[in-house]
Amino acid sequence: MALKFGADVSTAETDYGTVLLDERTGQYWELNPTATLVVSTLMAGGDEADAVAELTDTFDIGPDRAKQDVDALVRQLRASGLAR
């Protein structure tokens, strides 16, 4: 399922990944390069399976671990109210 950030979330790419700012709370989130790849894939309209495939193709990670990581990241972003 594609991922969308709320209107109150600003993003900035850095040399080390991506920084998210929740403008409602002033809280920053820093995403490492793997999380940045997952978010980029989902924001571009891909689903979780696409994100898993991108992770396994780009990084030295197995599909089971990649799926766990994608699921955990999506859960955290949604639970925090940053994404829907």
PDB file of N, CA and C in Angstrom:
ATOM      1  N   MET A   1       0.849  -1.179   0.000  1.00  0.00           N
ATOM      2  CA  MET A   1       0.000   0.000   0.000  1.00  0.00           C
ATOM      3  C   MET A   1       0.890   1.236   0.000  1.00  0.00           C
ATOM      4  N   ALA A   2       0.587   2.182  -0.823  1.00  0.00           N
ATOM      5  CA  ALA A   2       1.359   3.422  -0.902  1.00  0.00           C
ATOM      6  C   ALA A   2       1.315   4.149   0.433  1.00  0.00           C
ATOM      7  N   LEU A   3       2.299   4.955   0.665  1.00  0.00           N
ATOM      8  CA  LEU A   3       2.426   5.697   1.913  1.00  0.00           C
ATOM      9  C   LEU A   3       2.297   7.177   1.603  1.00  0.00           C
ATOM     10  N   LYS A   4       1.605   7.902   2.447  1.00  0.00           N
ATOM     11  CA  LYS A   4       1.467   9.348   2.298  1.00  0.00           C
ATOM     12  C   LYS A   4       1.768   9.989   3.643  1.00  0.00           C
ATOM     13  N   PHE A   5       2.588  11.031   3.627  1.00  0.00           N
ATOM     14  CA  PHE A   5       2.823  11.792   4.846  1.00  0.00           C
ATOM     15  C   PHE A   5       1.727  12.828   5.005  1.00  0.00           C
ATOM     16  N   GLY A   6       1.437  13.182   6.252  1.00  0.00           N
ATOM     17  CA  GLY A   6       0.455  14.215   6.527  1.00  0.00           C
ATOM     18  C   GLY A   6       0.952  15.573   6.052  1.00  0.00           C
ATOM     19  N   ALA A   7       0.041  16.511   5.938  1.00  0.00           N
ATOM     20  CA  ALA A   7       0.383  17.860   5.467  1.00  0.00           C
ATOM     21  C   ALA A   7       1.335  18.565   6.426  1.00  0.00           C
ATOM     22  N   ASP A   8       1.367  18.135   7.689  1.00  0.00           N
ATOM     23  CA  ASP A   8       2.214  18.765   8.696  1.00  0.00           C
ATOM     24  C   ASP A   8       3.574  18.093   8.840  1.00  0.00           C
ATOM     25  N   VAL A   9       3.956  17.283   7.855  1.00  0.00           N
ATOM     26  CA  VAL A   9       5.245  16.585   7.907  1.00  0.00           C
ATOM     27  C   VAL A   9       6.143  17.122   6.794  1.00  0.00           C
ATOM     28  N   SER A  10       7.306  17.616   7.194  1.00  0.00           N
ATOM     29  CA  SER A  10       8.304  18.092   6.233  1.00  0.00           C
ATOM     30  C   SER A  10       9.408  17.056   6.145  1.00  0.00           C
ATOM     31  N   THR A  11       9.982  16.912   4.964  1.00  0.00           N
ATOM     32  CA  THR A  11      11.077  15.962   4.768  1.00  0.00           C
ATOM     33  C   THR A  11      12.284  16.680   4.168  1.00  0.00           C
ATOM     34  N   ALA A  12      13.458  16.188   4.513  1.00  0.00           N
ATOM     35  CA  ALA A  12      14.697  16.710   3.942  1.00  0.00           C
ATOM     36  C   ALA A  12      15.674  15.555   3.799  1.00  0.00           C
ATOM     37  N   GLU A  13      16.198  15.384   2.598  1.00  0.00           N
ATOM     38  CA  GLU A  13      17.203  14.346   2.378  1.00  0.00           C
ATOM     39  C   GLU A  13      18.550  14.880   2.838  1.00  0.00           C
ATOM     40  N   THR A  14      19.341  14.008   3.456  1.00  0.00           N
ATOM     41  CA  THR A  14      20.675  14.360   3.927  1.00  0.00           C
ATOM     42  C   THR A  14      21.674  13.368   3.352  1.00  0.00           C
ATOM     43  N   ASP A  15      22.927  13.560   3.674  1.00  0.00           N
ATOM     44  CA  ASP A  15      23.958  12.615   3.241  1.00  0.00           C
ATOM     45  C   ASP A  15      23.788  11.258   3.906  1.00  0.00           C
ATOM     46  N   TYR A  16      23.031  11.207   4.996  1.00  0.00           N
ATOM     47  CA  TYR A  16      22.900   9.994   5.796  1.00  0.00           C
ATOM     48  C   TYR A  16      21.507   9.385   5.761  1.00  0.00           C
ATOM     49  N   GLY A  17      20.611   9.901   4.938  1.00  0.00           N
ATOM     50  CA  GLY A  17      19.248   9.385   4.860  1.00  0.00           C
ATOM     51  C   GLY A  17      18.254  10.517   4.697  1.00  0.00           C
ATOM     52  N   THR A  18      17.219  10.489   5.509  1.00  0.00           N
ATOM     53  CA  THR A  18      16.160  11.493   5.433  1.00  0.00           C
ATOM     54  C   THR A  18      15.765  11.922   6.832  1.00  0.00           C
ATOM     55  N   VAL A  19      15.466  13.197   6.986  1.00  0.00           N
ATOM     56  CA  VAL A  19      14.961  13.721   8.244  1.00  0.00           C
ATOM     57  C   VAL A  19      13.498  14.107   8.031  1.00  0.00           C
ATOM     58  N   LEU A  20      12.654  13.698   8.968  1.00  0.00           N
ATOM     59  CA  LEU A  20      11.242  14.061   8.959  1.00  0.00           C
ATOM     60  C   LEU A  20      10.988  15.002  10.118  1.00  0.00           C
ATOM     61  N   LEU A  21      10.189  16.017   9.899  1.00  0.00           N
ATOM     62  CA  LEU A  21       9.799  16.941  10.961  1.00  0.00           C
ATOM     63  C   LEU A  21       8.281  16.916  11.081  1.00  0.00           C
ATOM     64  N   ASP A  22       7.807  16.558  12.254  1.00  0.00           N
ATOM     65  CA  ASP A  22       6.385  16.639  12.555  1.00  0.00           C
ATOM     66  C   ASP A  22       6.140  18.054  13.057  1.00  0.00           C
ATOM     67  N   GLU A  23       5.603  18.901  12.203  1.00  0.00           N
ATOM     68  CA  GLU A  23       5.427  20.315  12.534  1.00  0.00           C
ATOM     69  C   GLU A  23       4.408  20.537  13.642  1.00  0.00           C
ATOM     70  N   ARG A  24       3.557  19.555  13.889  1.00  0.00           N
ATOM     71  CA  ARG A  24       2.581  19.686  14.978  1.00  0.00           C
ATOM     72  C   ARG A  24       3.253  19.604  16.332  1.00  0.00           C
ATOM     73  N   THR A  25       4.260  18.744  16.455  1.00  0.00           N
ATOM     74  CA  THR A  25       4.902  18.502  17.747  1.00  0.00           C
ATOM     75  C   THR A  25       6.324  19.029  17.827  1.00  0.00           C
ATOM     76  N   GLY A  26       6.932  19.341  16.678  1.00  0.00           N
ATOM     77  CA  GLY A  26       8.319  19.765  16.643  1.00  0.00           C
ATOM     78  C   GLY A  26       9.297  18.603  16.747  1.00  0.00           C
ATOM     79  N   GLN A  27       8.793  17.387  16.680  1.00  0.00           N
ATOM     80  CA  GLN A  27       9.634  16.204  16.802  1.00  0.00           C
ATOM     81  C   GLN A  27      10.281  15.857  15.463  1.00  0.00           C
ATOM     82  N   TYR A  28      11.580  15.562  15.517  1.00  0.00           N
ATOM     83  CA  TYR A  28      12.326  15.129  14.340  1.00  0.00           C
ATOM     84  C   TYR A  28      12.491  13.622  14.351  1.00  0.00           C
ATOM     85  N   TRP A  29      12.492  13.036  13.165  1.00  0.00           N
ATOM     86  CA  TRP A  29      12.773  11.620  12.975  1.00  0.00           C
ATOM     87  C   TRP A  29      13.886  11.530  11.954  1.00  0.00           C
ATOM     88  N   GLU A  30      14.881  10.703  12.220  1.00  0.00           N
ATOM     89  CA  GLU A  30      15.957  10.508  11.257  1.00  0.00           C
ATOM     90  C   GLU A  30      15.872   9.096  10.690  1.00  0.00           C
ATOM     91  N   LEU A  31      15.770   9.013   9.376  1.00  0.00           N
ATOM     92  CA  LEU A  31      15.699   7.721   8.699  1.00  0.00           C
ATOM     93  C   LEU A  31      17.064   7.393   8.103  1.00  0.00           C
ATOM     94  N   ASN A  32      17.540   6.193   8.357  1.00  0.00           N
ATOM     95  CA  ASN A  32      18.813   5.764   7.778  1.00  0.00           C
ATOM     96  C   ASN A  32      18.600   5.454   6.294  1.00  0.00           C
ATOM     97  N   PRO A  33      19.666   5.124   5.562  1.00  0.00           N
ATOM     98  CA  PRO A  33      19.519   4.884   4.123  1.00  0.00           C
ATOM     99  C   PRO A  33      18.533   3.764   3.771  1.00  0.00           C
ATOM    100  N   THR A  34      18.463   2.711   4.568  1.00  0.00           N
ATOM    101  CA  THR A  34      17.511   1.644   4.240  1.00  0.00           C
ATOM    102  C   THR A  34      16.076   2.108   4.435  1.00  0.00           C
ATOM    103  N   ALA A  35      15.825   2.830   5.523  1.00  0.00           N
ATOM    104  CA  ALA A  35      14.468   3.355   5.753  1.00  0.00           C
ATOM    105  C   ALA A  35      14.105   4.382   4.683  1.00  0.00           C
ATOM    106  N   THR A  36      15.083   5.174   4.262  1.00  0.00           N
ATOM    107  CA  THR A  36      14.835   6.146   3.195  1.00  0.00           C
ATOM    108  C   THR A  36      14.424   5.449   1.909  1.00  0.00           C
ATOM    109  N   LEU A  37      15.088   4.341   1.588  1.00  0.00           N
ATOM    110  CA  LEU A  37      14.733   3.586   0.388  1.00  0.00           C
ATOM    111  C   LEU A  37      13.315   3.039   0.491  1.00  0.00           C
ATOM    112  N   VAL A  38      12.950   2.520   1.654  1.00  0.00           N
ATOM    113  CA  VAL A  38      11.592   1.989   1.856  1.00  0.00           C
ATOM    114  C   VAL A  38      10.566   3.103   1.683  1.00  0.00           C
ATOM    115  N   VAL A  39      10.778   4.218   2.348  1.00  0.00           N
ATOM    116  CA  VAL A  39       9.828   5.331   2.270  1.00  0.00           C
ATOM    117  C   VAL A  39       9.729   5.854   0.844  1.00  0.00           C
ATOM    118  N   SER A  40      10.851   6.003   0.166  1.00  0.00           N
ATOM    119  CA  SER A  40      10.835   6.483  -1.221  1.00  0.00           C
ATOM    120  C   SER A  40      10.030   5.551  -2.126  1.00  0.00           C
ATOM    121  N   THR A  41      10.221   4.257  -1.940  1.00  0.00           N
ATOM    122  CA  THR A  41       9.489   3.269  -2.741  1.00  0.00           C
ATOM    123  C   THR A  41       7.990   3.365  -2.486  1.00  0.00           C
ATOM    124  N   LEU A  42       7.612   3.461  -1.218  1.00  0.00           N
ATOM    125  CA  LEU A  42       6.183   3.519  -0.876  1.00  0.00           C
ATOM    126  C   LEU A  42       5.550   4.846  -1.288  1.00  0.00           C
ATOM    127  N   MET A  43       6.293   5.937  -1.168  1.00  0.00           N
ATOM    128  CA  MET A  43       5.749   7.246  -1.549  1.00  0.00           C
ATOM    129  C   MET A  43       5.593   7.351  -3.060  1.00  0.00           C
ATOM    130  N   ALA A  44       6.370   6.573  -3.800  1.00  0.00           N
ATOM    131  CA  ALA A  44       6.278   6.581  -5.266  1.00  0.00           C
ATOM    132  C   ALA A  44       5.150   5.685  -5.764  1.00  0.00           C
ATOM    133  N   GLY A  45       4.386   5.113  -4.842  1.00  0.00           N
ATOM    134  CA  GLY A  45       3.239   4.295  -5.232  1.00  0.00           C
ATOM    135  C   GLY A  45       3.472   2.808  -5.133  1.00  0.00           C
ATOM    136  N   GLY A  46       4.684   2.398  -4.744  1.00  0.00           N
ATOM    137  CA  GLY A  46       4.955   0.975  -4.572  1.00  0.00           C
ATOM    138  C   GLY A  46       4.283   0.436  -3.324  1.00  0.00           C
ATOM    139  N   ASP A  47       4.236  -0.881  -3.235  1.00  0.00           N
ATOM    140  CA  ASP A  47       3.677  -1.492  -2.029  1.00  0.00           C
ATOM    141  C   ASP A  47       4.811  -2.100  -1.204  1.00  0.00           C
ATOM    142  N   GLU A  48       4.440  -2.745  -0.088  1.00  0.00           N
ATOM    143  CA  GLU A  48       5.443  -3.309   0.800  1.00  0.00           C
ATOM    144  C   GLU A  48       6.313  -4.348   0.089  1.00  0.00           C
ATOM    145  N   ALA A  49       5.739  -5.143  -0.801  1.00  0.00           N
ATOM    146  CA  ALA A  49       6.517  -6.140  -1.539  1.00  0.00           C
ATOM    147  C   ALA A  49       7.560  -5.464  -2.425  1.00  0.00           C
ATOM    148  N   ASP A  50       7.211  -4.334  -3.016  1.00  0.00           N
ATOM    149  CA  ASP A  50       8.172  -3.580  -3.818  1.00  0.00           C
ATOM    150  C   ASP A  50       9.319  -3.063  -2.943  1.00  0.00           C
ATOM    151  N   ALA A  51       8.977  -2.591  -1.748  1.00  0.00           N
ATOM    152  CA  ALA A  51       9.995  -2.084  -0.826  1.00  0.00           C
ATOM    153  C   ALA A  51      10.927  -3.212  -0.382  1.00  0.00           C
ATOM    154  N   VAL A  52      10.374  -4.390  -0.109  1.00  0.00           N
ATOM    155  CA  VAL A  52      11.193  -5.549   0.254  1.00  0.00           C
ATOM    156  C   VAL A  52      12.148  -5.882  -0.892  1.00  0.00           C
ATOM    157  N   ALA A  53      11.643  -5.901  -2.114  1.00  0.00           N
ATOM    158  CA  ALA A  53      12.479  -6.203  -3.277  1.00  0.00           C
ATOM    159  C   ALA A  53      13.590  -5.168  -3.441  1.00  0.00           C
ATOM    160  N   GLU A  54      13.280  -3.898  -3.246  1.00  0.00           N
ATOM    161  CA  GLU A  54      14.293  -2.840  -3.348  1.00  0.00           C
ATOM    162  C   GLU A  54      15.382  -3.034  -2.297  1.00  0.00           C
ATOM    163  N   LEU A  55      14.972  -3.372  -1.072  1.00  0.00           N
ATOM    164  CA  LEU A  55      15.955  -3.590  -0.010  1.00  0.00           C
ATOM    165  C   LEU A  55      16.883  -4.751  -0.327  1.00  0.00           C
ATOM    166  N   THR A  56      16.304  -5.863  -0.759  1.00  0.00           N
ATOM    167  CA  THR A  56      17.132  -7.042  -1.026  1.00  0.00           C
ATOM    168  C   THR A  56      18.022  -6.838  -2.246  1.00  0.00           C
ATOM    169  N   ASP A  57      17.579  -6.018  -3.198  1.00  0.00           N
ATOM    170  CA  ASP A  57      18.389  -5.741  -4.382  1.00  0.00           C
ATOM    171  C   ASP A  57      19.526  -4.760  -4.101  1.00  0.00           C
ATOM    172  N   THR A  58      19.295  -3.846  -3.152  1.00  0.00           N
ATOM    173  CA  THR A  58      20.241  -2.762  -2.913  1.00  0.00           C
ATOM    174  C   THR A  58      21.207  -3.051  -1.763  1.00  0.00           C
ATOM    175  N   PHE A  59      20.721  -3.734  -0.736  1.00  0.00           N
ATOM    176  CA  PHE A  59      21.521  -3.980   0.456  1.00  0.00           C
ATOM    177  C   PHE A  59      21.703  -5.482   0.668  1.00  0.00           C
ATOM    178  N   ASP A  60      22.673  -5.840   1.460  1.00  0.00           N
ATOM    179  CA  ASP A  60      22.944  -7.245   1.784  1.00  0.00           C
ATOM    180  C   ASP A  60      22.004  -7.687   2.901  1.00  0.00           C
ATOM    181  N   ILE A  61      20.753  -7.968   2.531  1.00  0.00           N
ATOM    182  CA  ILE A  61      19.731  -8.337   3.501  1.00  0.00           C
ATOM    183  C   ILE A  61      18.818  -9.376   2.856  1.00  0.00           C
ATOM    184  N   GLY A  62      18.425 -10.365   3.635  1.00  0.00           N
ATOM    185  CA  GLY A  62      17.546 -11.409   3.130  1.00  0.00           C
ATOM    186  C   GLY A  62      16.095 -10.951   3.083  1.00  0.00           C
ATOM    187  N   PRO A  63      15.269 -11.628   2.304  1.00  0.00           N
ATOM    188  CA  PRO A  63      13.875 -11.205   2.151  1.00  0.00           C
ATOM    189  C   PRO A  63      13.056 -11.272   3.445  1.00  0.00           C
ATOM    190  N   ASP A  64      13.317 -12.254   4.306  1.00  0.00           N
ATOM    191  CA  ASP A  64      12.551 -12.330   5.553  1.00  0.00           C
ATOM    192  C   ASP A  64      12.849 -11.145   6.455  1.00  0.00           C
ATOM    193  N   ARG A  65      14.116 -10.831   6.597  1.00  0.00           N
ATOM    194  CA  ARG A  65      14.512  -9.688   7.424  1.00  0.00           C
ATOM    195  C   ARG A  65      14.018  -8.387   6.798  1.00  0.00           C
ATOM    196  N   ALA A  66      14.109  -8.269   5.483  1.00  0.00           N
ATOM    197  CA  ALA A  66      13.640  -7.068   4.797  1.00  0.00           C
ATOM    198  C   ALA A  66      12.151  -6.860   5.036  1.00  0.00           C
ATOM    199  N   LYS A  67      11.368  -7.927   4.971  1.00  0.00           N
ATOM    200  CA  LYS A  67       9.918  -7.818   5.211  1.00  0.00           C
ATOM    201  C   LYS A  67       9.642  -7.367   6.634  1.00  0.00           C
ATOM    202  N   GLN A  68      10.363  -7.930   7.599  1.00  0.00           N
ATOM    203  CA  GLN A  68      10.186  -7.519   8.996  1.00  0.00           C
ATOM    204  C   GLN A  68      10.499  -6.033   9.162  1.00  0.00           C
ATOM    205  N   ASP A  69      11.581  -5.592   8.547  1.00  0.00           N
ATOM    206  CA  ASP A  69      11.976  -4.194   8.658  1.00  0.00           C
ATOM    207  C   ASP A  69      10.967  -3.255   8.006  1.00  0.00           C
ATOM    208  N   VAL A  70      10.481  -3.619   6.831  1.00  0.00           N
ATOM    209  CA  VAL A  70       9.483  -2.798   6.143  1.00  0.00           C
ATOM    210  C   VAL A  70       8.207  -2.716   6.978  1.00  0.00           C
ATOM    211  N   ASP A  71       7.736  -3.860   7.454  1.00  0.00           N
ATOM    212  CA  ASP A  71       6.508  -3.879   8.266  1.00  0.00           C
ATOM    213  C   ASP A  71       6.663  -3.024   9.522  1.00  0.00           C
ATOM    214  N   ALA A  72       7.810  -3.138  10.193  1.00  0.00           N
ATOM    215  CA  ALA A  72       8.038  -2.376  11.427  1.00  0.00           C
ATOM    216  C   ALA A  72       8.084  -0.875  11.146  1.00  0.00           C
ATOM    217  N   LEU A  73       8.761  -0.480  10.082  1.00  0.00           N
ATOM    218  CA  LEU A  73       8.856   0.942   9.748  1.00  0.00           C
ATOM    219  C   LEU A  73       7.484   1.520   9.414  1.00  0.00           C
ATOM    220  N   VAL A  74       6.726   0.826   8.600  1.00  0.00           N
ATOM    221  CA  VAL A  74       5.394   1.312   8.225  1.00  0.00           C
ATOM    222  C   VAL A  74       4.509   1.427   9.466  1.00  0.00           C
ATOM    223  N   ARG A  75       4.562   0.432  10.336  1.00  0.00           N
ATOM    224  CA  ARG A  75       3.779   0.468  11.587  1.00  0.00           C
ATOM    225  C   ARG A  75       4.159   1.690  12.423  1.00  0.00           C
ATOM    226  N   GLN A  76       5.460   1.935  12.568  1.00  0.00           N
ATOM    227  CA  GLN A  76       5.921   3.063  13.380  1.00  0.00           C
ATOM    228  C   GLN A  76       5.513   4.404  12.789  1.00  0.00           C
ATOM    229  N   LEU A  77       5.628   4.542  11.480  1.00  0.00           N
ATOM    230  CA  LEU A  77       5.246   5.804  10.843  1.00  0.00           C
ATOM    231  C   LEU A  77       3.752   6.069  10.981  1.00  0.00           C
ATOM    232  N   ARG A  78       2.960   5.033  10.859  1.00  0.00           N
ATOM    233  CA  ARG A  78       1.506   5.200  11.000  1.00  0.00           C
ATOM    234  C   ARG A  78       1.111   5.432  12.447  1.00  0.00           C
ATOM    235  N   ALA A  79       1.713   4.687  13.375  1.00  0.00           N
ATOM    236  CA  ALA A  79       1.396   4.839  14.800  1.00  0.00           C
ATOM    237  C   ALA A  79       1.768   6.235  15.306  1.00  0.00           C
ATOM    238  N   SER A  80       2.824   6.806  14.749  1.00  0.00           N
ATOM    239  CA  SER A  80       3.263   8.138  15.176  1.00  0.00           C
ATOM    240  C   SER A  80       2.371   9.242  14.604  1.00  0.00           C
ATOM    241  N   GLY A  81       1.545   8.903  13.640  1.00  0.00           N
ATOM    242  CA  GLY A  81       0.693   9.888  12.993  1.00  0.00           C
ATOM    243  C   GLY A  81       1.388  10.627  11.854  1.00  0.00           C
ATOM    244  N   LEU A  82       2.625  10.219  11.524  1.00  0.00           N
ATOM    245  CA  LEU A  82       3.337  10.868  10.431  1.00  0.00           C
ATOM    246  C   LEU A  82       2.790  10.481   9.078  1.00  0.00           C
ATOM    247  N   ALA A  83       2.356   9.230   8.964  1.00  0.00           N
ATOM    248  CA  ALA A  83       1.933   8.713   7.660  1.00  0.00           C
ATOM    249  C   ALA A  83       0.586   8.045   7.779  1.00  0.00           C
ATOM    250  N   ARG A  84      -0.051   7.925   6.611  1.00  0.00           N
ATOM    251  CA  ARG A  84      -1.319   7.194   6.540  1.00  0.00           C
ATOM    252  C   ARG A  84      -1.256   6.272   5.346  1.00  0.00           C
TER     253      ARG A  84
END
